[in-house]
């Protein structure tokens, strides 16, 4: 892993991007990490990274984890059984008054 100051990374940005192909590059300011550069191979990888660092997505994950802790989940075996073709449970959809009128 390579480490470079903000000033050095700014001055030699293209070289640091090349270095990022071999592993993350940590960017420092006053000797403390403030960011990092990583290489991206394709659009799918870029999308995964953007989603992983999205505050909105992290909020969704946090609420899902809280819900699982409070309400519990389903057993592993039941989940996979429901994933088999033809075994998906039929769920009723709640409709609002506007939809039923």
C-alpha atoms as a PDB file:
ATOM      1  CA  UNK A   1       0.000   0.000   0.000  1.00  0.00           C
ATOM      2  CA  UNK A   2       1.326   3.394  -0.990  1.00  0.00           C
ATOM      3  CA  UNK A   3       0.924   6.552   1.068  1.00  0.00           C
ATOM      4  CA  UNK A   4       1.130  10.091  -0.291  1.00  0.00           C
ATOM      5  CA  UNK A   5       0.459  13.569   0.975  1.00  0.00           C
ATOM      6  CA  UNK A   6      -2.318  15.653  -0.561  1.00  0.00           C
ATOM      7  CA  UNK A   7       0.274  17.945  -2.134  1.00  0.00           C
ATOM      8  CA  UNK A   8       2.265  15.052  -3.622  1.00  0.00           C
ATOM      9  CA  UNK A   9      -0.845  13.260  -4.893  1.00  0.00           C
ATOM     10  CA  UNK A  10      -2.063  16.512  -6.449  1.00  0.00           C
ATOM     11  CA  UNK A  11       1.289  17.085  -8.176  1.00  0.00           C
ATOM     12  CA  UNK A  12       1.615  13.477  -9.413  1.00  0.00           C
ATOM     13  CA  UNK A  13      -2.033  12.439  -9.706  1.00  0.00           C
ATOM     14  CA  UNK A  14      -1.613  10.335 -12.846  1.00  0.00           C
ATOM     15  CA  UNK A  15       1.233   8.332 -11.287  1.00  0.00           C
ATOM     16  CA  UNK A  16      -0.776   7.720  -8.123  1.00  0.00           C
ATOM     17  CA  UNK A  17      -3.730   6.487 -10.205  1.00  0.00           C
ATOM     18  CA  UNK A  18      -1.394   3.966 -11.845  1.00  0.00           C
ATOM     19  CA  UNK A  19      -0.125   2.926  -8.398  1.00  0.00           C
ATOM     20  CA  UNK A  20      -3.724   2.382  -7.244  1.00  0.00           C
ATOM     21  CA  UNK A  21      -3.998  -0.535  -9.690  1.00  0.00           C
ATOM     22  CA  UNK A  22      -1.626  -2.421  -7.380  1.00  0.00           C
ATOM     23  CA  UNK A  23      -3.566  -1.592  -4.215  1.00  0.00           C
ATOM     24  CA  UNK A  24      -5.138   1.297  -2.346  1.00  0.00           C
ATOM     25  CA  UNK A  25      -3.254   4.561  -2.043  1.00  0.00           C
ATOM     26  CA  UNK A  26      -3.752   6.371   1.262  1.00  0.00           C
ATOM     27  CA  UNK A  27      -3.814  10.159   0.983  1.00  0.00           C
ATOM     28  CA  UNK A  28      -2.621  12.078   4.044  1.00  0.00           C
ATOM     29  CA  UNK A  29      -2.750  15.651   5.293  1.00  0.00           C
ATOM     30  CA  UNK A  30      -0.355  16.588   8.073  1.00  0.00           C
ATOM     31  CA  UNK A  31       0.507  12.892   8.399  1.00  0.00           C
ATOM     32  CA  UNK A  32      -3.108  11.805   9.022  1.00  0.00           C
ATOM     33  CA  UNK A  33      -5.184   9.796   6.526  1.00  0.00           C
ATOM     34  CA  UNK A  34      -7.906  11.860   4.832  1.00  0.00           C
ATOM     35  CA  UNK A  35      -8.798   9.689   1.842  1.00  0.00           C
ATOM     36  CA  UNK A  36      -7.739   6.924  -0.435  1.00  0.00           C
ATOM     37  CA  UNK A  37      -7.523   6.073  -4.114  1.00  0.00           C
ATOM     38  CA  UNK A  38      -8.570   2.709  -5.458  1.00  0.00           C
ATOM     39  CA  UNK A  39      -8.583   1.313  -8.943  1.00  0.00           C
ATOM     40  CA  UNK A  40     -11.909   0.535 -10.613  1.00  0.00           C
ATOM     41  CA  UNK A  41     -12.000  -2.065 -13.377  1.00  0.00           C
ATOM     42  CA  UNK A  42     -15.525  -1.617 -14.764  1.00  0.00           C
ATOM     43  CA  UNK A  43     -18.878   0.137 -14.365  1.00  0.00           C
ATOM     44  CA  UNK A  44     -20.301  -2.624 -12.138  1.00  0.00           C
ATOM     45  CA  UNK A  45     -17.444  -2.312  -9.678  1.00  0.00           C
ATOM     46  CA  UNK A  46     -17.866   1.468  -9.628  1.00  0.00           C
ATOM     47  CA  UNK A  47     -21.590   1.099  -8.955  1.00  0.00           C
ATOM     48  CA  UNK A  48     -20.932  -1.315  -6.051  1.00  0.00           C
ATOM     49  CA  UNK A  49     -18.477   1.143  -4.514  1.00  0.00           C
ATOM     50  CA  UNK A  50     -20.822   4.097  -4.875  1.00  0.00           C
ATOM     51  CA  UNK A  51     -23.683   2.150  -3.276  1.00  0.00           C
ATOM     52  CA  UNK A  52     -21.476   0.824  -0.476  1.00  0.00           C
ATOM     53  CA  UNK A  53     -20.495   4.346   0.540  1.00  0.00           C
ATOM     54  CA  UNK A  54     -23.940   5.887   0.050  1.00  0.00           C
ATOM     55  CA  UNK A  55     -25.384   7.352   3.281  1.00  0.00           C
ATOM     56  CA  UNK A  56     -28.882   6.508   2.003  1.00  0.00           C
ATOM     57  CA  UNK A  57     -27.976   2.855   1.416  1.00  0.00           C
ATOM     58  CA  UNK A  58     -26.242   2.655   4.807  1.00  0.00           C
ATOM     59  CA  UNK A  59     -29.443   4.005   6.398  1.00  0.00           C
ATOM     60  CA  UNK A  60     -31.497   1.314   4.675  1.00  0.00           C
ATOM     61  CA  UNK A  61     -29.099  -1.373   5.933  1.00  0.00           C
ATOM     62  CA  UNK A  62     -29.191   0.036   9.469  1.00  0.00           C
ATOM     63  CA  UNK A  63     -33.001   0.019   9.540  1.00  0.00           C
ATOM     64  CA  UNK A  64     -33.072  -3.523   8.135  1.00  0.00           C
ATOM     65  CA  UNK A  65     -30.653  -4.732  10.830  1.00  0.00           C
ATOM     66  CA  UNK A  66     -32.725  -3.043  13.549  1.00  0.00           C
ATOM     67  CA  UNK A  67     -35.883  -4.646  12.176  1.00  0.00           C
ATOM     68  CA  UNK A  68     -34.230  -8.068  12.196  1.00  0.00           C
ATOM     69  CA  UNK A  69     -33.119  -7.602  15.806  1.00  0.00           C
ATOM     70  CA  UNK A  70     -36.558  -6.448  16.921  1.00  0.00           C
ATOM     71  CA  UNK A  71     -38.809  -8.716  14.881  1.00  0.00           C
ATOM     72  CA  UNK A  72     -36.447 -11.577  14.244  1.00  0.00           C
ATOM     73  CA  UNK A  73     -35.757 -13.143  10.913  1.00  0.00           C
ATOM     74  CA  UNK A  74     -36.617 -16.450   9.370  1.00  0.00           C
ATOM     75  CA  UNK A  75     -34.570 -19.617   9.817  1.00  0.00           C
ATOM     76  CA  UNK A  76     -31.892 -20.256   7.197  1.00  0.00           C
ATOM     77  CA  UNK A  77     -33.583 -23.447   5.991  1.00  0.00           C
ATOM     78  CA  UNK A  78     -36.963 -21.714   5.570  1.00  0.00           C
ATOM     79  CA  UNK A  79     -35.393 -18.924   3.531  1.00  0.00           C
ATOM     80  CA  UNK A  80     -33.774 -21.327   1.076  1.00  0.00           C
ATOM     81  CA  UNK A  81     -36.896 -23.481   0.856  1.00  0.00           C
ATOM     82  CA  UNK A  82     -38.900 -20.387  -0.100  1.00  0.00           C
ATOM     83  CA  UNK A  83     -36.310 -19.552  -2.756  1.00  0.00           C
ATOM     84  CA  UNK A  84     -36.896 -22.837  -4.579  1.00  0.00           C
ATOM     85  CA  UNK A  85     -39.014 -22.460  -7.713  1.00  0.00           C
ATOM     86  CA  UNK A  86     -42.717 -22.807  -6.941  1.00  0.00           C
ATOM     87  CA  UNK A  87     -42.277 -22.391  -3.165  1.00  0.00           C
ATOM     88  CA  UNK A  88     -42.587 -18.629  -2.890  1.00  0.00           C
ATOM     89  CA  UNK A  89     -45.381 -17.740  -0.469  1.00  0.00           C
ATOM     90  CA  UNK A  90     -48.235 -15.658  -1.809  1.00  0.00           C
ATOM     91  CA  UNK A  91     -48.396 -12.410   0.077  1.00  0.00           C
ATOM     92  CA  UNK A  92     -51.395 -10.155   0.252  1.00  0.00           C
ATOM     93  CA  UNK A  93     -50.765  -6.574  -0.777  1.00  0.00           C
ATOM     94  CA  UNK A  94     -52.146  -3.920   1.516  1.00  0.00           C
ATOM     95  CA  UNK A  95     -54.069  -1.352  -0.442  1.00  0.00           C
ATOM     96  CA  UNK A  96     -54.891   2.187   0.506  1.00  0.00           C
ATOM     97  CA  UNK A  97     -58.411   3.577   0.394  1.00  0.00           C
ATOM     98  CA  UNK A  98     -57.625   5.428  -2.824  1.00  0.00           C
ATOM     99  CA  UNK A  99     -56.578   2.179  -4.536  1.00  0.00           C
ATOM    100  CA  UNK A 100     -59.696   0.296  -3.482  1.00  0.00           C
ATOM    101  CA  UNK A 101     -62.117   3.096  -4.393  1.00  0.00           C
END
